PDB file of all heavy atoms in Angstrom:
ATOM      1  N   ALA A   1      28.700   1.937 -11.428  1.00  0.00           N
ATOM      2  CA  ALA A   1      28.005   3.224 -11.346  1.00  0.00           C
ATOM      3  C   ALA A   1      27.533   3.680 -12.724  1.00  0.00           C
ATOM      4  O   ALA A   1      26.417   4.172 -12.876  1.00  0.00           O
ATOM      5  CB  ALA A   1      28.919   4.272 -10.723  1.00  0.00           C
ATOM      6  N   LEU A   2      28.395   3.509 -13.738  1.00  0.00           N
ATOM      7  CA  LEU A   2      28.006   3.880 -15.106  1.00  0.00           C
ATOM      8  C   LEU A   2      26.831   3.041 -15.584  1.00  0.00           C
ATOM      9  O   LEU A   2      25.877   3.558 -16.167  1.00  0.00           O
ATOM     10  CB  LEU A   2      29.184   3.694 -16.066  1.00  0.00           C
ATOM     11  CG  LEU A   2      30.228   4.791 -16.053  1.00  0.00           C
ATOM     12  CD1 LEU A   2      31.440   4.365 -16.877  1.00  0.00           C
ATOM     13  CD2 LEU A   2      29.667   6.091 -16.577  1.00  0.00           C
ATOM     14  N   ALA A   3      26.912   1.734 -15.343  1.00  0.00           N
ATOM     15  CA  ALA A   3      25.824   0.845 -15.761  1.00  0.00           C
ATOM     16  C   ALA A   3      24.517   1.254 -15.086  1.00  0.00           C
ATOM     17  O   ALA A   3      23.458   1.273 -15.733  1.00  0.00           O
ATOM     18  CB  ALA A   3      26.184  -0.601 -15.441  1.00  0.00           C
ATOM     19  N   ASN A   4      24.576   1.611 -13.805  1.00  0.00           N
ATOM     20  CA  ASN A   4      23.369   2.043 -13.089  1.00  0.00           C
ATOM     21  C   ASN A   4      22.797   3.323 -13.681  1.00  0.00           C
ATOM     22  O   ASN A   4      21.586   3.460 -13.833  1.00  0.00           O
ATOM     23  CB  ASN A   4      23.671   2.241 -11.604  1.00  0.00           C
ATOM     24  CG  ASN A   4      23.865   0.937 -10.878  1.00  0.00           C
ATOM     25  OD1 ASN A   4      23.393  -0.112 -11.314  1.00  0.00           O
ATOM     26  ND2 ASN A   4      24.578   0.990  -9.765  1.00  0.00           N
ATOM     27  N   ARG A   5      23.662   4.254 -14.011  1.00  0.00           N
ATOM     28  CA  ARG A   5      23.194   5.526 -14.580  1.00  0.00           C
ATOM     29  C   ARG A   5      22.590   5.326 -15.966  1.00  0.00           C
ATOM     30  O   ARG A   5      21.558   5.916 -16.294  1.00  0.00           O
ATOM     31  CB  ARG A   5      24.321   6.545 -14.611  1.00  0.00           C
ATOM     32  CG  ARG A   5      24.674   7.023 -13.209  1.00  0.00           C
ATOM     33  CD  ARG A   5      25.893   7.909 -13.194  1.00  0.00           C
ATOM     34  NE  ARG A   5      26.316   8.209 -11.846  1.00  0.00           N
ATOM     35  CZ  ARG A   5      25.909   9.251 -11.135  1.00  0.00           C
ATOM     36  NH1 ARG A   5      25.056  10.110 -11.641  1.00  0.00           N
ATOM     37  NH2 ARG A   5      26.363   9.452  -9.919  1.00  0.00           N
ATOM     38  N   LEU A   6      23.210   4.489 -16.767  1.00  0.00           N
ATOM     39  CA  LEU A   6      22.671   4.201 -18.107  1.00  0.00           C
ATOM     40  C   LEU A   6      21.306   3.522 -17.993  1.00  0.00           C
ATOM     41  O   LEU A   6      20.380   3.862 -18.740  1.00  0.00           O
ATOM     42  CB  LEU A   6      23.649   3.339 -18.903  1.00  0.00           C
ATOM     43  CG  LEU A   6      24.906   4.059 -19.373  1.00  0.00           C
ATOM     44  CD1 LEU A   6      25.963   3.054 -19.831  1.00  0.00           C
ATOM     45  CD2 LEU A   6      24.583   5.046 -20.485  1.00  0.00           C
ATOM     46  N   GLU A   7      21.178   2.601 -17.061  1.00  0.00           N
ATOM     47  CA  GLU A   7      19.903   1.919 -16.864  1.00  0.00           C
ATOM     48  C   GLU A   7      18.828   2.908 -16.405  1.00  0.00           C
ATOM     49  O   GLU A   7      17.687   2.866 -16.851  1.00  0.00           O
ATOM     50  CB  GLU A   7      20.057   0.786 -15.850  1.00  0.00           C
ATOM     51  CG  GLU A   7      18.797  -0.020 -15.642  1.00  0.00           C
ATOM     52  CD  GLU A   7      18.320  -0.742 -16.903  1.00  0.00           C
ATOM     53  OE1 GLU A   7      19.140  -1.002 -17.815  1.00  0.00           O
ATOM     54  OE2 GLU A   7      17.110  -1.040 -16.989  1.00  0.00           O
ATOM     55  N   LYS A   8      19.203   3.820 -15.523  1.00  0.00           N
ATOM     56  CA  LYS A   8      18.265   4.839 -15.045  1.00  0.00           C
ATOM     57  C   LYS A   8      17.778   5.710 -16.196  1.00  0.00           C
ATOM     58  O   LYS A   8      16.589   6.022 -16.294  1.00  0.00           O
ATOM     59  CB  LYS A   8      18.964   5.697 -13.985  1.00  0.00           C
ATOM     60  CG  LYS A   8      18.092   6.713 -13.325  1.00  0.00           C
ATOM     61  CD  LYS A   8      18.906   7.441 -12.264  1.00  0.00           C
ATOM     62  CE  LYS A   8      18.145   8.529 -11.593  1.00  0.00           C
ATOM     63  NZ  LYS A   8      18.989   9.261 -10.628  1.00  0.00           N
ATOM     64  N   ILE A   9      18.682   6.092 -17.094  1.00  0.00           N
ATOM     65  CA  ILE A   9      18.306   6.898 -18.256  1.00  0.00           C
ATOM     66  C   ILE A   9      17.330   6.122 -19.137  1.00  0.00           C
ATOM     67  O   ILE A   9      16.326   6.666 -19.604  1.00  0.00           O
ATOM     68  CB  ILE A   9      19.560   7.335 -19.050  1.00  0.00           C
ATOM     69  CG1 ILE A   9      20.355   8.363 -18.236  1.00  0.00           C
ATOM     70  CG2 ILE A   9      19.188   7.882 -20.426  1.00  0.00           C
ATOM     71  CD1 ILE A   9      21.747   8.641 -18.768  1.00  0.00           C
ATOM     72  N   ARG A  10      17.608   4.829 -19.328  1.00  0.00           N
ATOM     73  CA  ARG A  10      16.706   4.009 -20.157  1.00  0.00           C
ATOM     74  C   ARG A  10      15.338   3.839 -19.493  1.00  0.00           C
ATOM     75  O   ARG A  10      14.305   3.977 -20.149  1.00  0.00           O
ATOM     76  CB  ARG A  10      17.341   2.643 -20.427  1.00  0.00           C
ATOM     77  CG  ARG A  10      18.415   2.673 -21.474  1.00  0.00           C
ATOM     78  CD  ARG A  10      18.843   1.271 -21.893  1.00  0.00           C
ATOM     79  NE  ARG A  10      19.596   0.599 -20.856  1.00  0.00           N
ATOM     80  CZ  ARG A  10      20.917   0.672 -20.708  1.00  0.00           C
ATOM     81  NH1 ARG A  10      21.635   1.394 -21.533  1.00  0.00           N
ATOM     82  NH2 ARG A  10      21.512   0.010 -19.748  1.00  0.00           N
ATOM     83  N   GLU A  11      15.332   3.542 -18.204  1.00  0.00           N
ATOM     84  CA  GLU A  11      14.073   3.260 -17.514  1.00  0.00           C
ATOM     85  C   GLU A  11      13.239   4.517 -17.259  1.00  0.00           C
ATOM     86  O   GLU A  11      12.063   4.543 -17.558  1.00  0.00           O
ATOM     87  CB  GLU A  11      14.347   2.562 -16.183  1.00  0.00           C
ATOM     88  CG  GLU A  11      14.752   1.120 -16.346  1.00  0.00           C
ATOM     89  CD  GLU A  11      14.963   0.425 -15.014  1.00  0.00           C
ATOM     90  OE1 GLU A  11      14.765   1.050 -13.941  1.00  0.00           O
ATOM     91  OE2 GLU A  11      15.339  -0.756 -15.052  1.00  0.00           O
ATOM     92  N   ARG A  12      13.848   5.539 -16.686  1.00  0.00           N
ATOM     93  CA  ARG A  12      13.089   6.734 -16.296  1.00  0.00           C
ATOM     94  C   ARG A  12      12.811   7.672 -17.459  1.00  0.00           C
ATOM     95  O   ARG A  12      11.844   8.419 -17.442  1.00  0.00           O
ATOM     96  CB  ARG A  12      13.817   7.497 -15.201  1.00  0.00           C
ATOM     97  CG  ARG A  12      13.880   6.677 -13.908  1.00  0.00           C
ATOM     98  CD  ARG A  12      14.348   7.464 -12.757  1.00  0.00           C
ATOM     99  NE  ARG A  12      13.234   8.281 -12.274  1.00  0.00           N
ATOM    100  CZ  ARG A  12      13.387   9.324 -11.473  1.00  0.00           C
ATOM    101  NH1 ARG A  12      14.579   9.679 -11.068  1.00  0.00           N
ATOM    102  NH2 ARG A  12      12.354  10.019 -11.070  1.00  0.00           N
ATOM    103  N   GLY A  13      13.694   7.637 -18.473  1.00  0.00           N
ATOM    104  CA  GLY A  13      13.529   8.538 -19.601  1.00  0.00           C
ATOM    105  C   GLY A  13      13.008   7.879 -20.859  1.00  0.00           C
ATOM    106  O   GLY A  13      12.731   8.562 -21.841  1.00  0.00           O
ATOM    107  N   GLY A  14      12.887   6.552 -20.829  1.00  0.00           N
ATOM    108  CA  GLY A  14      12.414   5.839 -22.010  1.00  0.00           C
ATOM    109  C   GLY A  14      13.376   5.944 -23.190  1.00  0.00           C
ATOM    110  O   GLY A  14      12.999   5.679 -24.321  1.00  0.00           O
ATOM    111  N   ILE A  15      14.617   6.335 -22.914  1.00  0.00           N
ATOM    112  CA  ILE A  15      15.610   6.544 -23.966  1.00  0.00           C
ATOM    113  C   ILE A  15      16.276   5.219 -24.310  1.00  0.00           C
ATOM    114  O   ILE A  15      16.756   4.517 -23.426  1.00  0.00           O
ATOM    115  CB  ILE A  15      16.689   7.568 -23.508  1.00  0.00           C
ATOM    116  CG1 ILE A  15      16.050   8.838 -22.943  1.00  0.00           C
ATOM    117  CG2 ILE A  15      17.666   7.866 -24.636  1.00  0.00           C
ATOM    118  CD1 ILE A  15      15.354   9.714 -23.925  1.00  0.00           C
ATOM    119  N   LYS A  16      16.295   4.888 -25.583  1.00  0.00           N
ATOM    120  CA  LYS A  16      16.901   3.641 -26.045  1.00  0.00           C
ATOM    121  C   LYS A  16      18.422   3.791 -26.128  1.00  0.00           C
ATOM    122  O   LYS A  16      18.938   4.898 -26.214  1.00  0.00           O
ATOM    123  CB  LYS A  16      16.339   3.272 -27.414  1.00  0.00           C
ATOM    124  CG  LYS A  16      14.838   3.022 -27.407  1.00  0.00           C
ATOM    125  CD  LYS A  16      14.334   2.857 -28.817  1.00  0.00           C
ATOM    126  CE  LYS A  16      12.867   2.609 -28.971  1.00  0.00           C
ATOM    127  NZ  LYS A  16      11.953   2.765 -27.950  1.00  0.00           N
ATOM    128  N   GLY A  17      19.129   2.654 -26.115  1.00  0.00           N
ATOM    129  CA  GLY A  17      20.585   2.663 -26.142  1.00  0.00           C
ATOM    130  C   GLY A  17      21.177   3.460 -27.284  1.00  0.00           C
ATOM    131  O   GLY A  17      22.108   4.247 -27.102  1.00  0.00           O
ATOM    132  N   ARG A  18      20.631   3.284 -28.480  1.00  0.00           N
ATOM    133  CA  ARG A  18      21.167   4.011 -29.642  1.00  0.00           C
ATOM    134  C   ARG A  18      20.898   5.504 -29.533  1.00  0.00           C
ATOM    135  O   ARG A  18      21.663   6.336 -29.991  1.00  0.00           O
ATOM    136  CB  ARG A  18      20.647   3.439 -30.950  1.00  0.00           C
ATOM    137  CG  ARG A  18      19.177   3.602 -31.202  1.00  0.00           C
ATOM    138  CD  ARG A  18      18.767   3.090 -32.587  1.00  0.00           C
ATOM    139  NE  ARG A  18      17.410   2.816 -32.870  1.00  0.00           N
ATOM    140  CZ  ARG A  18      16.318   3.355 -32.381  1.00  0.00           C
ATOM    141  NH1 ARG A  18      16.386   4.269 -31.474  1.00  0.00           N
ATOM    142  NH2 ARG A  18      15.125   3.013 -32.773  1.00  0.00           N
ATOM    143  N   GLU A  19      19.791   5.865 -28.861  1.00  0.00           N
ATOM    144  CA  GLU A  19      19.475   7.278 -28.644  1.00  0.00           C
ATOM    145  C   GLU A  19      20.402   7.890 -27.594  1.00  0.00           C
ATOM    146  O   GLU A  19      20.789   9.052 -27.721  1.00  0.00           O
ATOM    147  CB  GLU A  19      18.012   7.428 -28.235  1.00  0.00           C
ATOM    148  CG  GLU A  19      17.061   7.034 -29.347  1.00  0.00           C
ATOM    149  CD  GLU A  19      15.632   6.867 -28.901  1.00  0.00           C
ATOM    150  OE1 GLU A  19      15.372   6.625 -27.694  1.00  0.00           O
ATOM    151  OE2 GLU A  19      14.738   6.965 -29.766  1.00  0.00           O
ATOM    152  N   ILE A  20      20.759   7.100 -26.585  1.00  0.00           N
ATOM    153  CA  ILE A  20      21.728   7.575 -25.595  1.00  0.00           C
ATOM    154  C   ILE A  20      23.034   7.892 -26.312  1.00  0.00           C
ATOM    155  O   ILE A  20      23.635   8.943 -26.098  1.00  0.00           O
ATOM    156  CB  ILE A  20      21.954   6.534 -24.477  1.00  0.00           C
ATOM    157  CG1 ILE A  20      20.686   6.381 -23.638  1.00  0.00           C
ATOM    158  CG2 ILE A  20      23.146   6.928 -23.601  1.00  0.00           C
ATOM    159  CD1 ILE A  20      20.734   5.242 -22.634  1.00  0.00           C
ATOM    160  N   ALA A  21      23.458   6.987 -27.182  1.00  0.00           N
ATOM    161  CA  ALA A  21      24.693   7.201 -27.944  1.00  0.00           C
ATOM    162  C   ALA A  21      24.591   8.481 -28.769  1.00  0.00           C
ATOM    163  O   ALA A  21      25.521   9.294 -28.798  1.00  0.00           O
ATOM    164  CB  ALA A  21      24.975   5.997 -28.838  1.00  0.00           C
ATOM    165  N   GLN A  22      23.465   8.678 -29.439  1.00  0.00           N
ATOM    166  CA  GLN A  22      23.244   9.875 -30.250  1.00  0.00           C
ATOM    167  C   GLN A  22      23.352  11.129 -29.388  1.00  0.00           C
ATOM    168  O   GLN A  22      24.041  12.085 -29.743  1.00  0.00           O
ATOM    169  CB  GLN A  22      21.872   9.805 -30.911  1.00  0.00           C
ATOM    170  CG  GLN A  22      21.458  11.059 -31.651  1.00  0.00           C
ATOM    171  CD  GLN A  22      19.989  11.036 -32.074  1.00  0.00           C
ATOM    172  OE1 GLN A  22      19.302  10.043 -31.952  1.00  0.00           O
ATOM    173  NE2 GLN A  22      19.522  12.170 -32.556  1.00  0.00           N
ATOM    174  N   LEU A  23      22.680  11.125 -28.242  1.00  0.00           N
ATOM    175  CA  LEU A  23      22.682  12.286 -27.358  1.00  0.00           C
ATOM    176  C   LEU A  23      24.073  12.598 -26.809  1.00  0.00           C
ATOM    177  O   LEU A  23      24.405  13.753 -26.576  1.00  0.00           O
ATOM    178  CB  LEU A  23      21.712  12.066 -26.192  1.00  0.00           C
ATOM    179  CG  LEU A  23      20.231  12.094 -26.563  1.00  0.00           C
ATOM    180  CD1 LEU A  23      19.391  11.523 -25.438  1.00  0.00           C
ATOM    181  CD2 LEU A  23      19.797  13.506 -26.900  1.00  0.00           C
ATOM    182  N   LEU A  24      24.879  11.564 -26.622  1.00  0.00           N
ATOM    183  CA  LEU A  24      26.211  11.748 -26.059  1.00  0.00           C
ATOM    184  C   LEU A  24      27.289  11.904 -27.117  1.00  0.00           C
ATOM    185  O   LEU A  24      28.463  12.075 -26.795  1.00  0.00           O
ATOM    186  CB  LEU A  24      26.549  10.572 -25.129  1.00  0.00           C
ATOM    187  CG  LEU A  24      25.581  10.365 -23.965  1.00  0.00           C
ATOM    188  CD1 LEU A  24      26.003   9.168 -23.131  1.00  0.00           C
ATOM    189  CD2 LEU A  24      25.466  11.617 -23.113  1.00  0.00           C
ATOM    190  N   GLY A  25      26.883  11.849 -28.390  1.00  0.00           N
ATOM    191  CA  GLY A  25      27.845  12.036 -29.472  1.00  0.00           C
ATOM    192  C   GLY A  25      28.830  10.894 -29.606  1.00  0.00           C
ATOM    193  O   GLY A  25      30.011  11.113 -29.862  1.00  0.00           O
ATOM    194  N   THR A  26      28.336   9.675 -29.452  1.00  0.00           N
ATOM    195  CA  THR A  26      29.188   8.500 -29.594  1.00  0.00           C
ATOM    196  C   THR A  26      28.401   7.391 -30.290  1.00  0.00           C
ATOM    197  O   THR A  26      27.327   7.643 -30.824  1.00  0.00           O
ATOM    198  CB  THR A  26      29.739   8.064 -28.211  1.00  0.00           C
ATOM    199  OG1 THR A  26      30.756   7.090 -28.402  1.00  0.00           O
ATOM    200  CG2 THR A  26      28.657   7.538 -27.296  1.00  0.00           C
ATOM    201  N   THR A  27      28.938   6.189 -30.299  1.00  0.00           N
ATOM    202  CA  THR A  27      28.276   5.074 -30.986  1.00  0.00           C
ATOM    203  C   THR A  27      27.578   4.162 -29.983  1.00  0.00           C
ATOM    204  O   THR A  27      27.958   4.113 -28.806  1.00  0.00           O
ATOM    205  CB  THR A  27      29.310   4.232 -31.764  1.00  0.00           C
ATOM    206  OG1 THR A  27      30.200   3.600 -30.823  1.00  0.00           O
ATOM    207  CG2 THR A  27      30.094   5.085 -32.748  1.00  0.00           C
ATOM    208  N   PRO A  28      26.579   3.405 -30.442  1.00  0.00           N
ATOM    209  CA  PRO A  28      25.928   2.437 -29.554  1.00  0.00           C
ATOM    210  C   PRO A  28      26.924   1.403 -29.009  1.00  0.00           C
ATOM    211  O   PRO A  28      26.798   0.968 -27.863  1.00  0.00           O
ATOM    212  CB  PRO A  28      24.879   1.779 -30.455  1.00  0.00           C
ATOM    213  CG  PRO A  28      24.580   2.788 -31.501  1.00  0.00           C
ATOM    214  CD  PRO A  28      25.884   3.502 -31.737  1.00  0.00           C
ATOM    215  N   GLU A  29      27.907   1.048 -29.810  1.00  0.00           N
ATOM    216  CA  GLU A  29      28.909   0.078 -29.365  1.00  0.00           C
ATOM    217  C   GLU A  29      29.717   0.626 -28.184  1.00  0.00           C
ATOM    218  O   GLU A  29      30.026  -0.101 -27.234  1.00  0.00           O
ATOM    219  CB  GLU A  29      29.849  -0.293 -30.518  1.00  0.00           C
ATOM    220  CG  GLU A  29      29.178  -1.041 -31.656  1.00  0.00           C
ATOM    221  CD  GLU A  29      28.394  -0.138 -32.622  1.00  0.00           C
ATOM    222  OE1 GLU A  29      28.610   1.092 -32.625  1.00  0.00           O
ATOM    223  OE2 GLU A  29      27.550  -0.672 -33.360  1.00  0.00           O
ATOM    224  N   THR A  30      30.041   1.918 -28.250  1.00  0.00           N
ATOM    225  CA  THR A  30      30.786   2.537 -27.159  1.00  0.00           C
ATOM    226  C   THR A  30      29.956   2.557 -25.887  1.00  0.00           C
ATOM    227  O   THR A  30      30.454   2.231 -24.798  1.00  0.00           O
ATOM    228  CB  THR A  30      31.226   3.962 -27.554  1.00  0.00           C
ATOM    229  OG1 THR A  30      32.104   3.864 -28.668  1.00  0.00           O
ATOM    230  CG2 THR A  30      31.933   4.669 -26.413  1.00  0.00           C
ATOM    231  N   VAL A  31      28.687   2.906 -25.994  1.00  0.00           N
ATOM    232  CA  VAL A  31      27.802   2.915 -24.822  1.00  0.00           C
ATOM    233  C   VAL A  31      27.702   1.504 -24.243  1.00  0.00           C
ATOM    234  O   VAL A  31      27.724   1.316 -23.027  1.00  0.00           O
ATOM    235  CB  VAL A  31      26.410   3.493 -25.169  1.00  0.00           C
ATOM    236  CG1 VAL A  31      25.438   3.327 -24.006  1.00  0.00           C
ATOM    237  CG2 VAL A  31      26.528   4.964 -25.556  1.00  0.00           C
ATOM    238  N   SER A  32      27.637   0.513 -25.104  1.00  0.00           N
ATOM    239  CA  SER A  32      27.600  -0.879 -24.647  1.00  0.00           C
ATOM    240  C   SER A  32      28.875  -1.239 -23.880  1.00  0.00           C
ATOM    241  O   SER A  32      28.817  -1.914 -22.848  1.00  0.00           O
ATOM    242  CB  SER A  32      27.420  -1.816 -25.842  1.00  0.00           C
ATOM    243  OG  SER A  32      27.441  -3.154 -25.418  1.00  0.00           O
ATOM    244  N   ARG A  33      30.022  -0.774 -24.370  1.00  0.00           N
ATOM    245  CA  ARG A  33      31.286  -1.042 -23.672  1.00  0.00           C
ATOM    246  C   ARG A  33      31.322  -0.349 -22.315  1.00  0.00           C
ATOM    247  O   ARG A  33      31.842  -0.895 -21.345  1.00  0.00           O
ATOM    248  CB  ARG A  33      32.479  -0.624 -24.538  1.00  0.00           C
ATOM    249  CG  ARG A  33      32.722  -1.581 -25.700  1.00  0.00           C
ATOM    250  CD  ARG A  33      34.061  -1.336 -26.373  1.00  0.00           C
ATOM    251  NE  ARG A  33      34.135  -0.070 -27.076  1.00  0.00           N
ATOM    252  CZ  ARG A  33      33.751   0.120 -28.340  1.00  0.00           C
ATOM    253  NH1 ARG A  33      33.273  -0.882 -29.056  1.00  0.00           N
ATOM    254  NH2 ARG A  33      33.857   1.316 -28.894  1.00  0.00           N
ATOM    255  N   TRP A  34      30.750   0.850 -22.227  1.00  0.00           N
ATOM    256  CA  TRP A  34      30.664   1.527 -20.928  1.00  0.00           C
ATOM    257  C   TRP A  34      29.785   0.712 -19.986  1.00  0.00           C
ATOM    258  O   TRP A  34      30.093   0.540 -18.821  1.00  0.00           O
ATOM    259  CB  TRP A  34      30.039   2.906 -21.048  1.00  0.00           C
ATOM    260  CG  TRP A  34      30.780   3.910 -21.866  1.00  0.00           C
ATOM    261  CD1 TRP A  34      32.084   3.864 -22.275  1.00  0.00           C
ATOM    262  CD2 TRP A  34      30.251   5.124 -22.380  1.00  0.00           C
ATOM    263  NE1 TRP A  34      32.386   4.982 -23.012  1.00  0.00           N
ATOM    264  CE2 TRP A  34      31.284   5.772 -23.087  1.00  0.00           C
ATOM    265  CE3 TRP A  34      29.003   5.744 -22.304  1.00  0.00           C
ATOM    266  CZ2 TRP A  34      31.103   7.004 -23.718  1.00  0.00           C
ATOM    267  CZ3 TRP A  34      28.827   6.950 -22.931  1.00  0.00           C
ATOM    268  CH2 TRP A  34      29.877   7.574 -23.625  1.00  0.00           C
ATOM    269  N   ASN A  35      28.664   0.236 -20.516  1.00  0.00           N
ATOM    270  CA  ASN A  35      27.685  -0.498 -19.726  1.00  0.00           C
ATOM    271  C   ASN A  35      28.256  -1.801 -19.174  1.00  0.00           C
ATOM    272  O   ASN A  35      27.899  -2.214 -18.075  1.00  0.00           O
ATOM    273  CB  ASN A  35      26.435  -0.766 -20.574  1.00  0.00           C
ATOM    274  CG  ASN A  35      25.240  -1.138 -19.743  1.00  0.00           C
ATOM    275  OD1 ASN A  35      24.945  -0.490 -18.749  1.00  0.00           O
ATOM    276  ND2 ASN A  35      24.541  -2.176 -20.152  1.00  0.00           N
ATOM    277  N   THR A  36      29.127  -2.437 -19.924  1.00  0.00           N
ATOM    278  CA  THR A  36      29.702  -3.717 -19.494  1.00  0.00           C
ATOM    279  C   THR A  36      31.030  -3.551 -18.771  1.00  0.00           C
ATOM    280  O   THR A  36      31.628  -4.542 -18.342  1.00  0.00           O
ATOM    281  CB  THR A  36      29.892  -4.654 -20.699  1.00  0.00           C
ATOM    282  OG1 THR A  36      30.755  -4.025 -21.654  1.00  0.00           O
ATOM    283  CG2 THR A  36      28.564  -5.017 -21.331  1.00  0.00           C
ATOM    284  N   GLY A  37      31.511  -2.320 -18.652  1.00  0.00           N
ATOM    285  CA  GLY A  37      32.750  -2.075 -17.930  1.00  0.00           C
ATOM    286  C   GLY A  37      34.007  -2.317 -18.735  1.00  0.00           C
ATOM    287  O   GLY A  37      35.107  -2.331 -18.179  1.00  0.00           O
ATOM    288  N   LYS A  38      33.872  -2.498 -20.046  1.00  0.00           N
ATOM    289  CA  LYS A  38      35.048  -2.735 -20.884  1.00  0.00           C
ATOM    290  C   LYS A  38      35.868  -1.468 -21.083  1.00  0.00           C
ATOM    291  O   LYS A  38      37.057  -1.527 -21.358  1.00  0.00           O
ATOM    292  CB  LYS A  38      34.638  -3.323 -22.228  1.00  0.00           C
ATOM    293  CG  LYS A  38      34.087  -4.723 -22.093  1.00  0.00           C
ATOM    294  CD  LYS A  38      33.695  -5.304 -23.427  1.00  0.00           C
ATOM    295  CE  LYS A  38      33.114  -6.699 -23.208  1.00  0.00           C
ATOM    296  NZ  LYS A  38      32.580  -7.253 -24.441  1.00  0.00           N
ATOM    297  N   THR A  39      35.213  -0.324 -20.969  1.00  0.00           N
ATOM    298  CA  THR A  39      35.894   0.965 -21.098  1.00  0.00           C
ATOM    299  C   THR A  39      35.084   2.013 -20.342  1.00  0.00           C
ATOM    300  O   THR A  39      33.933   1.776 -19.998  1.00  0.00           O
ATOM    301  CB  THR A  39      36.075   1.357 -22.584  1.00  0.00           C
ATOM    302  OG1 THR A  39      36.886   2.523 -22.672  1.00  0.00           O
ATOM    303  CG2 THR A  39      34.765   1.611 -23.268  1.00  0.00           C
ATOM    304  N   GLU A  40      35.704   3.144 -20.094  1.00  0.00           N
ATOM    305  CA  GLU A  40      35.022   4.251 -19.430  1.00  0.00           C
ATOM    306  C   GLU A  40      34.955   5.438 -20.391  1.00  0.00           C
ATOM    307  O   GLU A  40      35.818   5.584 -21.246  1.00  0.00           O
ATOM    308  CB  GLU A  40      35.779   4.657 -18.163  1.00  0.00           C
ATOM    309  CG  GLU A  40      35.745   3.590 -17.093  1.00  0.00           C
ATOM    310  CD  GLU A  40      36.507   3.983 -15.847  1.00  0.00           C
ATOM    311  OE1 GLU A  40      36.974   5.140 -15.746  1.00  0.00           O
ATOM    312  OE2 GLU A  40      36.628   3.127 -14.965  1.00  0.00           O
ATOM    313  N   PRO A  41      33.941   6.273 -20.230  1.00  0.00           N
ATOM    314  CA  PRO A  41      33.813   7.421 -21.133  1.00  0.00           C
ATOM    315  C   PRO A  41      34.927   8.449 -20.913  1.00  0.00           C
ATOM    316  O   PRO A  41      35.450   8.579 -19.809  1.00  0.00           O
ATOM    317  CB  PRO A  41      32.459   8.026 -20.778  1.00  0.00           C
ATOM    318  CG  PRO A  41      32.009   7.379 -19.538  1.00  0.00           C
ATOM    319  CD  PRO A  41      32.849   6.173 -19.287  1.00  0.00           C
ATOM    320  N   GLN A  42      35.256   9.143 -21.986  1.00  0.00           N
ATOM    321  CA  GLN A  42      36.161  10.281 -21.888  1.00  0.00           C
ATOM    322  C   GLN A  42      35.470  11.339 -21.026  1.00  0.00           C
ATOM    323  O   GLN A  42      34.239  11.364 -20.932  1.00  0.00           O
ATOM    324  CB  GLN A  42      36.466  10.843 -23.281  1.00  0.00           C
ATOM    325  CG  GLN A  42      37.217   9.890 -24.181  1.00  0.00           C
ATOM    326  CD  GLN A  42      38.617   9.612 -23.646  1.00  0.00           C
ATOM    327  OE1 GLN A  42      39.299  10.508 -23.178  1.00  0.00           O
ATOM    328  NE2 GLN A  42      39.034   8.358 -23.703  1.00  0.00           N
TER     329      GLN A  42
END
């Protein structure tokens, strides 16, 4: 579900991964871990 939502943000909003991290107050590496299921967001 997280991976789907992140993909939707990238596709529909044109927002890049590093920008998603910026907007959410985290790092691109953390967003990548959410996307791959290695961890879940707080």
